[in-house]
C-alpha atoms as a PDB file:
ATOM      1  CA  MET A   1     -13.458 270.609  98.024  1.00  0.00           C
ATOM      2  CA  LYS A   2      -9.960 269.165  98.517  1.00  0.00           C
ATOM      3  CA  ARG A   3     -11.374 266.646 100.992  1.00  0.00           C
ATOM      4  CA  ILE A   4     -14.018 265.549  98.497  1.00  0.00           C
ATOM      5  CA  PHE A   5     -11.372 265.217  95.789  1.00  0.00           C
ATOM      6  CA  GLU A   6      -9.182 263.041  98.026  1.00  0.00           C
ATOM      7  CA  LEU A   7     -12.144 260.827  98.931  1.00  0.00           C
ATOM      8  CA  GLY A   8     -12.907 260.432  95.246  1.00  0.00           C
ATOM      9  CA  LYS A   9      -9.338 259.395  94.484  1.00  0.00           C
ATOM     10  CA  SER A  10      -9.402 256.907  97.361  1.00  0.00           C
ATOM     11  CA  SER A  11     -12.671 255.377  96.153  1.00  0.00           C
ATOM     12  CA  TYR A  12     -11.309 255.101  92.617  1.00  0.00           C
ATOM     13  CA  ARG A  13      -8.137 253.331  93.831  1.00  0.00           C
ATOM     14  CA  PHE A  14     -10.206 250.926  95.926  1.00  0.00           C
ATOM     15  CA  LEU A  15     -12.496 250.105  93.001  1.00  0.00           C
ATOM     16  CA  ARG A  16      -9.558 249.616  90.622  1.00  0.00           C
ATOM     17  CA  ARG A  17      -7.810 247.340  93.115  1.00  0.00           C
ATOM     18  CA  TRP A  18     -11.007 245.330  93.669  1.00  0.00           C
ATOM     19  CA  LEU A  19     -11.529 244.887  89.931  1.00  0.00           C
ATOM     20  CA  ARG A  20      -7.965 243.707  89.360  1.00  0.00           C
ATOM     21  CA  ILE A  21      -8.148 241.200  92.203  1.00  0.00           C
ATOM     22  CA  SER A  22     -11.459 239.951  90.807  1.00  0.00           C
ATOM     23  CA  ARG A  23      -9.759 239.408  87.426  1.00  0.00           C
ATOM     24  CA  PHE A  24      -6.968 237.542  89.194  1.00  0.00           C
ATOM     25  CA  TYR A  25      -9.478 235.137  90.736  1.00  0.00           C
ATOM     26  CA  ALA A  26     -11.347 234.788  87.438  1.00  0.00           C
ATOM     27  CA  GLY A  27      -8.096 233.986  85.627  1.00  0.00           C
ATOM     28  CA  GLY A  28      -7.293 231.030  87.846  1.00  0.00           C
ATOM     29  CA  GLU A  29      -5.124 232.822  90.452  1.00  0.00           C
ATOM     30  CA  LYS A  30      -1.925 232.406  88.452  1.00  0.00           C
ATOM     31  CA  PRO A  31       1.206 234.211  89.695  1.00  0.00           C
ATOM     32  CA  TRP A  32       2.126 237.300  87.652  1.00  0.00           C
ATOM     33  CA  SER A  33      -1.227 237.340  85.832  1.00  0.00           C
ATOM     34  CA  ARG A  34      -3.385 240.470  85.859  1.00  0.00           C
ATOM     35  CA  GLY A  35      -4.293 241.362  89.421  1.00  0.00           C
ATOM     36  CA  TYR A  36      -1.447 239.389  91.008  1.00  0.00           C
ATOM     37  CA  PHE A  37       0.310 242.514  92.288  1.00  0.00           C
ATOM     38  CA  GLU A  38      -2.806 243.759  94.077  1.00  0.00           C
ATOM     39  CA  TYR A  39      -3.585 240.265  95.402  1.00  0.00           C
ATOM     40  CA  LYS A  40      -0.043 239.883  96.731  1.00  0.00           C
ATOM     41  CA  TRP A  41       0.000 243.255  98.473  1.00  0.00           C
ATOM     42  CA  ARG A  42      -3.378 242.664 100.054  1.00  0.00           C
ATOM     43  CA  ALA A  43      -1.952 239.421 101.499  1.00  0.00           C
ATOM     44  CA  ILE A  44       1.227 241.167 102.662  1.00  0.00           C
ATOM     45  CA  ALA A  45      -0.737 243.988 104.328  1.00  0.00           C
ATOM     46  CA  LYS A  46      -2.858 241.430 106.156  1.00  0.00           C
ATOM     47  CA  ALA A  47       0.202 239.419 107.245  1.00  0.00           C
ATOM     48  CA  ILE A  48       2.208 242.331 108.628  1.00  0.00           C
ATOM     49  CA  ASN A  49      -0.740 243.474 110.738  1.00  0.00           C
ATOM     50  CA  ASP A  50      -1.601 240.040 112.164  1.00  0.00           C
ATOM     51  CA  PRO A  51      -0.274 239.762 115.766  1.00  0.00           C
ATOM     52  CA  ARG A  52      -0.288 235.962 115.665  1.00  0.00           C
ATOM     53  CA  LEU A  53       1.784 235.848 112.494  1.00  0.00           C
ATOM     54  CA  ARG A  54       4.138 238.467 113.933  1.00  0.00           C
ATOM     55  CA  GLN A  55       4.865 236.158 116.871  1.00  0.00           C
ATOM     56  CA  LEU A  56       5.482 233.217 114.529  1.00  0.00           C
ATOM     57  CA  PHE A  57       7.936 235.245 112.448  1.00  0.00           C
ATOM     58  CA  GLU A  58       9.638 236.559 115.579  1.00  0.00           C
ATOM     59  CA  ARG A  59      10.504 233.083 116.831  1.00  0.00           C
ATOM     60  CA  GLY A  60      10.642 231.121 113.566  1.00  0.00           C
ATOM     61  CA  GLY A  61       7.492 229.124 114.263  1.00  0.00           C
ATOM     62  CA  ASN A  62       5.524 227.049 111.776  1.00  0.00           C
ATOM     63  CA  LEU A  63       3.190 229.088 109.584  1.00  0.00           C
ATOM     64  CA  PRO A  64      -0.523 228.336 109.024  1.00  0.00           C
ATOM     65  CA  ARG A  65      -1.285 225.730 106.388  1.00  0.00           C
ATOM     66  CA  GLY A  66      -1.608 227.311 102.942  1.00  0.00           C
ATOM     67  CA  TYR A  67       0.164 230.510 103.949  1.00  0.00           C
ATOM     68  CA  GLY A  68       1.303 232.476 100.898  1.00  0.00           C
ATOM     69  CA  PHE A  69       0.314 229.853  98.321  1.00  0.00           C
ATOM     70  CA  GLY A  70       1.117 231.133  94.832  1.00  0.00           C
ATOM     71  CA  ILE A  71       2.836 234.272  96.168  1.00  0.00           C
ATOM     72  CA  ASP A  72       6.513 235.118  95.780  1.00  0.00           C
ATOM     73  CA  GLU A  73       8.987 235.344  98.658  1.00  0.00           C
ATOM     74  CA  ARG A  74       7.975 238.873  99.712  1.00  0.00           C
ATOM     75  CA  ILE A  75       5.132 237.225 101.654  1.00  0.00           C
ATOM     76  CA  ILE A  76       7.876 235.790 103.885  1.00  0.00           C
ATOM     77  CA  GLU A  77      10.593 238.434 103.787  1.00  0.00           C
ATOM     78  CA  LEU A  78       8.566 241.513 104.672  1.00  0.00           C
ATOM     79  CA  PRO A  79       6.607 240.078 107.639  1.00  0.00           C
ATOM     80  CA  TRP A  80       9.842 238.512 108.905  1.00  0.00           C
ATOM     81  CA  ALA A  81      11.769 241.795 108.680  1.00  0.00           C
ATOM     82  CA  LEU A  82       9.072 243.820 110.444  1.00  0.00           C
ATOM     83  CA  ALA A  83       8.765 241.155 113.151  1.00  0.00           C
ATOM     84  CA  GLN A  84      12.512 241.338 113.818  1.00  0.00           C
ATOM     85  CA  LEU A  85      12.729 245.121 113.725  1.00  0.00           C
ATOM     86  CA  SER A  86      12.923 246.929 117.055  1.00  0.00           C
ATOM     87  CA  GLU A  87       9.947 248.928 118.347  1.00  0.00           C
ATOM     88  CA  GLN A  88      12.312 251.755 119.326  1.00  0.00           C
ATOM     89  CA  PRO A  89      12.710 254.965 117.288  1.00  0.00           C
ATOM     90  CA  LEU A  90      15.836 254.367 115.233  1.00  0.00           C
ATOM     91  CA  SER A  91      17.703 255.644 112.211  1.00  0.00           C
ATOM     92  CA  LEU A  92      16.935 252.951 109.640  1.00  0.00           C
ATOM     93  CA  LEU A  93      18.523 252.393 106.225  1.00  0.00           C
ATOM     94  CA  ASP A  94      16.554 250.386 103.679  1.00  0.00           C
ATOM     95  CA  ALA A  95      19.186 249.180 101.220  1.00  0.00           C
ATOM     96  CA  GLY A  96      17.379 248.260  98.028  1.00  0.00           C
ATOM     97  CA  SER A  97      14.008 249.946  98.510  1.00  0.00           C
ATOM     98  CA  ALA A  98      11.946 246.874  99.438  1.00  0.00           C
ATOM     99  CA  LEU A  99      10.153 248.934 102.106  1.00  0.00           C
ATOM    100  CA  ASN A 100       9.057 251.622  99.647  1.00  0.00           C
ATOM    101  CA  PHE A 101       5.349 250.664  99.658  1.00  0.00           C
ATOM    102  CA  LEU A 102       2.505 252.331 101.534  1.00  0.00           C
ATOM    103  CA  PRO A 103       1.396 249.338 103.693  1.00  0.00           C
ATOM    104  CA  LEU A 104       4.946 249.242 105.073  1.00  0.00           C
ATOM    105  CA  ILE A 105       5.556 252.993 105.367  1.00  0.00           C
ATOM    106  CA  ILE A 106       2.457 253.407 107.548  1.00  0.00           C
ATOM    107  CA  HIS A 107       3.167 250.324 109.685  1.00  0.00           C
ATOM    108  CA  SER A 108       3.739 250.966 113.394  1.00  0.00           C
ATOM    109  CA  LYS A 109       7.249 249.494 113.212  1.00  0.00           C
ATOM    110  CA  LEU A 110       8.287 252.114 110.637  1.00  0.00           C
ATOM    111  CA  LYS A 111       6.267 255.195 111.558  1.00  0.00           C
ATOM    112  CA  ASN A 112       8.627 256.087 114.407  1.00  0.00           C
ATOM    113  CA  LYS A 113      11.810 255.437 112.416  1.00  0.00           C
ATOM    114  CA  LYS A 114      14.002 257.953 110.654  1.00  0.00           C
ATOM    115  CA  LEU A 115      13.931 256.062 107.358  1.00  0.00           C
ATOM    116  CA  THR A 116      16.446 256.473 104.545  1.00  0.00           C
ATOM    117  CA  ILE A 117      16.026 254.483 101.335  1.00  0.00           C
ATOM    118  CA  ILE A 118      18.889 253.905  98.928  1.00  0.00           C
ATOM    119  CA  THR A 119      18.352 252.396  95.495  1.00  0.00           C
ATOM    120  CA  LEU A 120      19.841 252.793  92.032  1.00  0.00           C
ATOM    121  CA  ALA A 121      17.203 255.083  90.522  1.00  0.00           C
ATOM    122  CA  PRO A 122      13.991 256.947  91.475  1.00  0.00           C
ATOM    123  CA  GLU A 123      10.829 254.859  91.617  1.00  0.00           C
ATOM    124  CA  THR A 124       7.140 255.639  91.142  1.00  0.00           C
ATOM    125  CA  ASN A 125       6.461 255.437  94.882  1.00  0.00           C
ATOM    126  CA  ASN A 126       7.757 258.446  96.792  1.00  0.00           C
ATOM    127  CA  PHE A 127       6.892 259.095 100.434  1.00  0.00           C
ATOM    128  CA  SER A 128       8.992 262.187 101.051  1.00  0.00           C
ATOM    129  CA  ARG A 129       5.932 263.904 102.545  1.00  0.00           C
ATOM    130  CA  GLN A 130       5.823 261.146 105.151  1.00  0.00           C
ATOM    131  CA  GLY A 131       9.404 261.935 106.112  1.00  0.00           C
ATOM    132  CA  VAL A 132      11.194 259.273 104.078  1.00  0.00           C
ATOM    133  CA  ARG A 133      14.598 260.347 102.787  1.00  0.00           C
ATOM    134  CA  TYR A 134      15.689 259.016  99.375  1.00  0.00           C
ATOM    135  CA  THR A 135      19.181 258.740  97.994  1.00  0.00           C
ATOM    136  CA  TYR A 136      20.352 257.054  94.807  1.00  0.00           C
ATOM    137  CA  GLY A 137      23.548 255.176  94.187  1.00  0.00           C
ATOM    138  CA  ASP A 138      25.537 251.974  94.320  1.00  0.00           C
ATOM    139  CA  MET A 139      25.468 249.868  97.498  1.00  0.00           C
ATOM    140  CA  ARG A 140      29.110 249.039  96.872  1.00  0.00           C
ATOM    141  CA  LYS A 141      29.988 252.735  97.304  1.00  0.00           C
ATOM    142  CA  LEU A 142      27.710 254.039 100.041  1.00  0.00           C
ATOM    143  CA  ARG A 143      28.016 257.782 100.624  1.00  0.00           C
ATOM    144  CA  PHE A 144      27.123 257.602 104.308  1.00  0.00           C
ATOM    145  CA  ALA A 145      29.401 258.188 107.275  1.00  0.00           C
ATOM    146  CA  ASP A 146      30.708 255.302 109.338  1.00  0.00           C
ATOM    147  CA  GLN A 147      28.179 254.046 111.914  1.00  0.00           C
ATOM    148  CA  ALA A 148      25.443 256.314 110.503  1.00  0.00           C
ATOM    149  CA  PHE A 149      22.506 253.940 111.128  1.00  0.00           C
ATOM    150  CA  ASP A 150      21.040 252.063 114.077  1.00  0.00           C
ATOM    151  CA  ALA A 151      19.524 249.360 111.858  1.00  0.00           C
ATOM    152  CA  ILE A 152      19.572 248.286 108.204  1.00  0.00           C
ATOM    153  CA  THR A 153      17.199 246.224 106.098  1.00  0.00           C
ATOM    154  CA  CYS A 154      18.331 244.640 102.847  1.00  0.00           C
ATOM    155  CA  ILE A 155      15.424 242.608 101.514  1.00  0.00           C
ATOM    156  CA  SER A 156      16.031 240.503  98.378  1.00  0.00           C
ATOM    157  CA  THR A 157      18.584 242.996  97.118  1.00  0.00           C
ATOM    158  CA  LEU A 158      21.973 241.396  97.700  1.00  0.00           C
ATOM    159  CA  GLU A 159      21.336 238.879  94.909  1.00  0.00           C
ATOM    160  CA  HIS A 160      21.222 241.729  92.367  1.00  0.00           C
ATOM    161  CA  VAL A 161      24.436 243.475  93.373  1.00  0.00           C
ATOM    162  CA  GLY A 162      27.061 243.388  90.611  1.00  0.00           C
ATOM    163  CA  LEU A 163      24.703 241.815  88.069  1.00  0.00           C
ATOM    164  CA  ASP A 164      22.670 243.163  85.147  1.00  0.00           C
ATOM    165  CA  ASN A 165      20.564 245.780  86.916  1.00  0.00           C
ATOM    166  CA  GLN A 166      20.275 247.744  83.681  1.00  0.00           C
ATOM    167  CA  ALA A 167      17.900 245.064  82.425  1.00  0.00           C
ATOM    168  CA  ILE A 168      15.140 245.885  84.943  1.00  0.00           C
ATOM    169  CA  TYR A 169      16.022 248.494  87.569  1.00  0.00           C
ATOM    170  CA  THR A 170      17.823 251.343  85.789  1.00  0.00           C
ATOM    171  CA  HIS A 171      18.620 252.585  82.288  1.00  0.00           C
ATOM    172  CA  GLU A 172      22.273 253.264  83.100  1.00  0.00           C
ATOM    173  CA  GLN A 173      24.471 251.033  80.955  1.00  0.00           C
ATOM    174  CA  LYS A 174      27.222 250.927  83.588  1.00  0.00           C
ATOM    175  CA  TYR A 175      25.023 248.663  85.692  1.00  0.00           C
ATOM    176  CA  ALA A 176      24.874 245.976  83.000  1.00  0.00           C
ATOM    177  CA  GLU A 177      27.461 243.874  84.842  1.00  0.00           C
ATOM    178  CA  ASN A 178      28.362 240.318  85.700  1.00  0.00           C
ATOM    179  CA  HIS A 179      30.365 240.451  88.926  1.00  0.00           C
ATOM    180  CA  PRO A 180      28.567 237.882  91.094  1.00  0.00           C
ATOM    181  CA  ALA A 181      31.007 238.119  94.017  1.00  0.00           C
ATOM    182  CA  ASP A 182      30.325 241.839  94.533  1.00  0.00           C
ATOM    183  CA  TYR A 183      27.597 241.118  97.085  1.00  0.00           C
ATOM    184  CA  LEU A 184      30.507 240.770  99.520  1.00  0.00           C
ATOM    185  CA  VAL A 185      31.647 244.319  98.699  1.00  0.00           C
ATOM    186  CA  ALA A 186      28.152 245.616  99.443  1.00  0.00           C
ATOM    187  CA  LEU A 187      28.049 243.696 102.715  1.00  0.00           C
ATOM    188  CA  LYS A 188      31.258 245.332 103.893  1.00  0.00           C
ATOM    189  CA  GLN A 189      29.733 248.729 103.149  1.00  0.00           C
ATOM    190  CA  LEU A 190      26.583 247.880 105.106  1.00  0.00           C
ATOM    191  CA  TYR A 191      28.746 246.771 108.017  1.00  0.00           C
ATOM    192  CA  ARG A 192      30.679 250.042 107.864  1.00  0.00           C
ATOM    193  CA  VAL A 193      27.615 252.294 108.088  1.00  0.00           C
ATOM    194  CA  LEU A 194      25.952 250.279 110.881  1.00  0.00           C
ATOM    195  CA  ARG A 195      26.636 251.368 114.457  1.00  0.00           C
ATOM    196  CA  PRO A 196      28.094 248.894 116.983  1.00  0.00           C
ATOM    197  CA  GLY A 197      25.225 246.917 118.475  1.00  0.00           C
ATOM    198  CA  GLY A 198      23.071 247.626 115.430  1.00  0.00           C
ATOM    199  CA  THR A 199      21.198 244.994 113.430  1.00  0.00           C
ATOM    200  CA  LEU A 200      21.251 244.131 109.733  1.00  0.00           C
ATOM    201  CA  LEU A 201      18.180 242.252 108.520  1.00  0.00           C
ATOM    202  CA  LEU A 202      18.717 240.747 105.090  1.00  0.00           C
ATOM    203  CA  THR A 203      17.118 238.098 102.923  1.00  0.00           C
ATOM    204  CA  VAL A 204      18.220 236.237  99.807  1.00  0.00           C
ATOM    205  CA  PRO A 205      16.632 233.579  97.567  1.00  0.00           C
ATOM    206  CA  PHE A 206      18.104 230.221  98.565  1.00  0.00           C
ATOM    207  CA  GLY A 207      18.634 226.831  96.939  1.00  0.00           C
ATOM    208  CA  GLN A 208      20.439 225.548  93.865  1.00  0.00           C
ATOM    209  CA  TYR A 209      22.786 228.132  92.397  1.00  0.00           C
ATOM    210  CA  VAL A 210      21.606 229.950  89.310  1.00  0.00           C
ATOM    211  CA  ASN A 211      22.658 233.227  87.712  1.00  0.00           C
ATOM    212  CA  ILE A 212      19.870 234.510  85.483  1.00  0.00           C
ATOM    213  CA  GLY A 213      21.507 237.773  84.502  1.00  0.00           C
ATOM    214  CA  PHE A 214      19.770 240.267  86.781  1.00  0.00           C
ATOM    215  CA  MET A 215      20.044 238.130  89.937  1.00  0.00           C
ATOM    216  CA  GLN A 216      21.556 234.988  91.409  1.00  0.00           C
ATOM    217  CA  GLN A 217      20.183 232.442  93.842  1.00  0.00           C
ATOM    218  CA  PHE A 218      22.315 231.883  96.930  1.00  0.00           C
ATOM    219  CA  THR A 219      23.737 228.516  97.970  1.00  0.00           C
ATOM    220  CA  PRO A 220      24.642 227.366 101.497  1.00  0.00           C
ATOM    221  CA  GLU A 221      28.256 228.350 100.829  1.00  0.00           C
ATOM    222  CA  MET A 222      27.218 231.864  99.806  1.00  0.00           C
ATOM    223  CA  VAL A 223      25.104 232.278 102.936  1.00  0.00           C
ATOM    224  CA  ASP A 224      28.136 231.214 104.970  1.00  0.00           C
ATOM    225  CA  LYS A 225      30.146 233.968 103.280  1.00  0.00           C
ATOM    226  CA  VAL A 226      27.428 236.510 104.112  1.00  0.00           C
ATOM    227  CA  VAL A 227      27.796 235.603 107.772  1.00  0.00           C
ATOM    228  CA  SER A 228      31.593 235.383 107.840  1.00  0.00           C
ATOM    229  CA  VAL A 229      32.816 238.241 105.598  1.00  0.00           C
ATOM    230  CA  CYS A 230      32.472 240.746 108.470  1.00  0.00           C
ATOM    231  CA  PRO A 231      33.124 240.230 112.204  1.00  0.00           C
ATOM    232  CA  TRP A 232      29.474 240.067 113.293  1.00  0.00           C
ATOM    233  CA  LYS A 233      28.943 239.506 117.013  1.00  0.00           C
ATOM    234  CA  GLN A 234      25.829 237.421 116.446  1.00  0.00           C
ATOM    235  CA  SER A 235      24.105 235.780 113.484  1.00  0.00           C
ATOM    236  CA  VAL A 236      20.815 233.912 113.175  1.00  0.00           C
ATOM    237  CA  VAL A 237      19.680 232.366 109.879  1.00  0.00           C
ATOM    238  CA  THR A 238      16.087 231.203 109.459  1.00  0.00           C
ATOM    239  CA  TYR A 239      15.077 229.281 106.336  1.00  0.00           C
ATOM    240  CA  TYR A 240      11.645 229.187 104.734  1.00  0.00           C
ATOM    241  CA  LYS A 241      10.596 226.882 101.912  1.00  0.00           C
ATOM    242  CA  TYR A 242       7.737 226.941  99.417  1.00  0.00           C
ATOM    243  CA  HIS A 243       5.782 223.822  98.478  1.00  0.00           C
ATOM    244  CA  SER A 244       2.384 222.994  96.993  1.00  0.00           C
ATOM    245  CA  GLY A 245       0.782 223.822 100.342  1.00  0.00           C
ATOM    246  CA  GLY A 246       2.331 227.271 100.600  1.00  0.00           C
ATOM    247  CA  TRP A 247       5.276 228.644 102.603  1.00  0.00           C
ATOM    248  CA  ASP A 248       6.584 227.321 105.911  1.00  0.00           C
ATOM    249  CA  VAL A 249       9.686 227.395 108.076  1.00  0.00           C
ATOM    250  CA  SER A 250      12.304 224.875 106.960  1.00  0.00           C
ATOM    251  CA  THR A 251      15.871 223.760 107.506  1.00  0.00           C
ATOM    252  CA  ARG A 252      18.980 224.537 105.513  1.00  0.00           C
ATOM    253  CA  GLU A 253      19.236 220.906 104.407  1.00  0.00           C
ATOM    254  CA  GLN A 254      15.626 220.732 103.236  1.00  0.00           C
ATOM    255  CA  ALA A 255      15.837 223.988 101.309  1.00  0.00           C
ATOM    256  CA  GLU A 256      19.276 223.837  99.706  1.00  0.00           C
ATOM    257  CA  GLY A 257      18.239 221.790  96.670  1.00  0.00           C
ATOM    258  CA  VAL A 258      15.273 223.803  95.425  1.00  0.00           C
ATOM    259  CA  LYS A 259      15.175 225.503  92.043  1.00  0.00           C
ATOM    260  CA  TYR A 260      14.258 229.103  91.271  1.00  0.00           C
ATOM    261  CA  PHE A 261      11.203 229.720  89.082  1.00  0.00           C
ATOM    262  CA  ASN A 262      11.971 232.451  86.542  1.00  0.00           C
ATOM    263  CA  ILE A 263       8.801 233.927  85.051  1.00  0.00           C
ATOM    264  CA  HIS A 264      10.931 235.906  82.576  1.00  0.00           C
ATOM    265  CA  THR A 265      11.978 232.732  80.752  1.00  0.00           C
ATOM    266  CA  THR A 266       9.281 230.205  81.729  1.00  0.00           C
ATOM    267  CA  LYS A 267       5.856 231.685  81.097  1.00  0.00           C
ATOM    268  CA  LYS A 268       3.935 228.568  82.154  1.00  0.00           C
ATOM    269  CA  ILE A 269       3.369 228.343  85.903  1.00  0.00           C
ATOM    270  CA  GLU A 270       4.586 225.020  87.279  1.00  0.00           C
ATOM    271  CA  ALA A 271       2.520 222.478  89.207  1.00  0.00           C
ATOM    272  CA  ASP A 272       3.325 223.802  92.692  1.00  0.00           C
ATOM    273  CA  GLY A 273       2.290 227.345  91.754  1.00  0.00           C
ATOM    274  CA  ALA A 274       5.660 228.880  92.678  1.00  0.00           C
ATOM    275  CA  ALA A 275       5.984 232.549  91.715  1.00  0.00           C
ATOM    276  CA  ALA A 276       9.776 232.969  92.076  1.00  0.00           C
ATOM    277  CA  ALA A 277      12.097 231.600  94.787  1.00  0.00           C
ATOM    278  CA  ARG A 278      11.119 228.321  96.405  1.00  0.00           C
ATOM    279  CA  ALA A 279      13.231 229.006  99.461  1.00  0.00           C
ATOM    280  CA  VAL A 280      14.601 232.053 101.209  1.00  0.00           C
ATOM    281  CA  ALA A 281      17.275 232.628 103.830  1.00  0.00           C
ATOM    282  CA  CYS A 282      16.374 235.303 106.383  1.00  0.00           C
ATOM    283  CA  ILE A 283      19.536 236.480 108.108  1.00  0.00           C
ATOM    284  CA  LYS A 284      19.745 238.611 111.263  1.00  0.00           C
ATOM    285  CA  LEU A 285      23.235 239.983 111.924  1.00  0.00           C
ATOM    286  CA  THR A 286      24.279 242.026 114.952  1.00  0.00           C
ATOM    287  CA  LYS A 287      27.417 244.181 114.844  1.00  0.00           C
END
């Protein structure tokens, strides 16, 4: 009976997802419209399980034409992070909870990891039964021992540190802040809890500076500070840029002038179909 019940739930979820994606197509495939979330995650799941794309993200190669058109920067950040992550069984800290989604939790790169997720507050998704450990708190005051983790991911999280996280991510008033330089405090904490030889994989939206309350877009100077604030032994920064033909690898110079699209203030999708950041810096740091 339990098996039948589970199959019924699975069929219902599939049908609901299919209907929402169908509505997304019928509505003109506009970012953040009904069905966008399901459409985006179907694309992400396909990307992270494509061996050819994995190789391109590993070496920073050019992406297929039209890749990720109309999809926000997660279509770059998550495949890039998984491509860079070691195959070995490691203790992994996900700072910011970007990995807390089923297509990622069941991925081969994560299934053999001892995964700890830290974020400000509990979320709907919870994979404790799959062995994921959750802890809640401030990245600027990590409660982990020195050198506790073999690897760390911090995907599109650093840009929120010290800003108004009460607006979207938690109800706690104390997180309604405006301390834009505090991302450097968080970085020092991540460095502290990473073992020597370990890797930090982090991404930030990149381009013209903007502070929109709950996040800020990083400039070239801010990326330089990310790399230099701690004595990393090695650093590699790969830039990706969005255009009307989708996402592709770019250069720092080509990406530094782009503007962030904020759906919270501009409800009309712009001509290029951008969903959020138009460029992203993917940074691999080795301690």
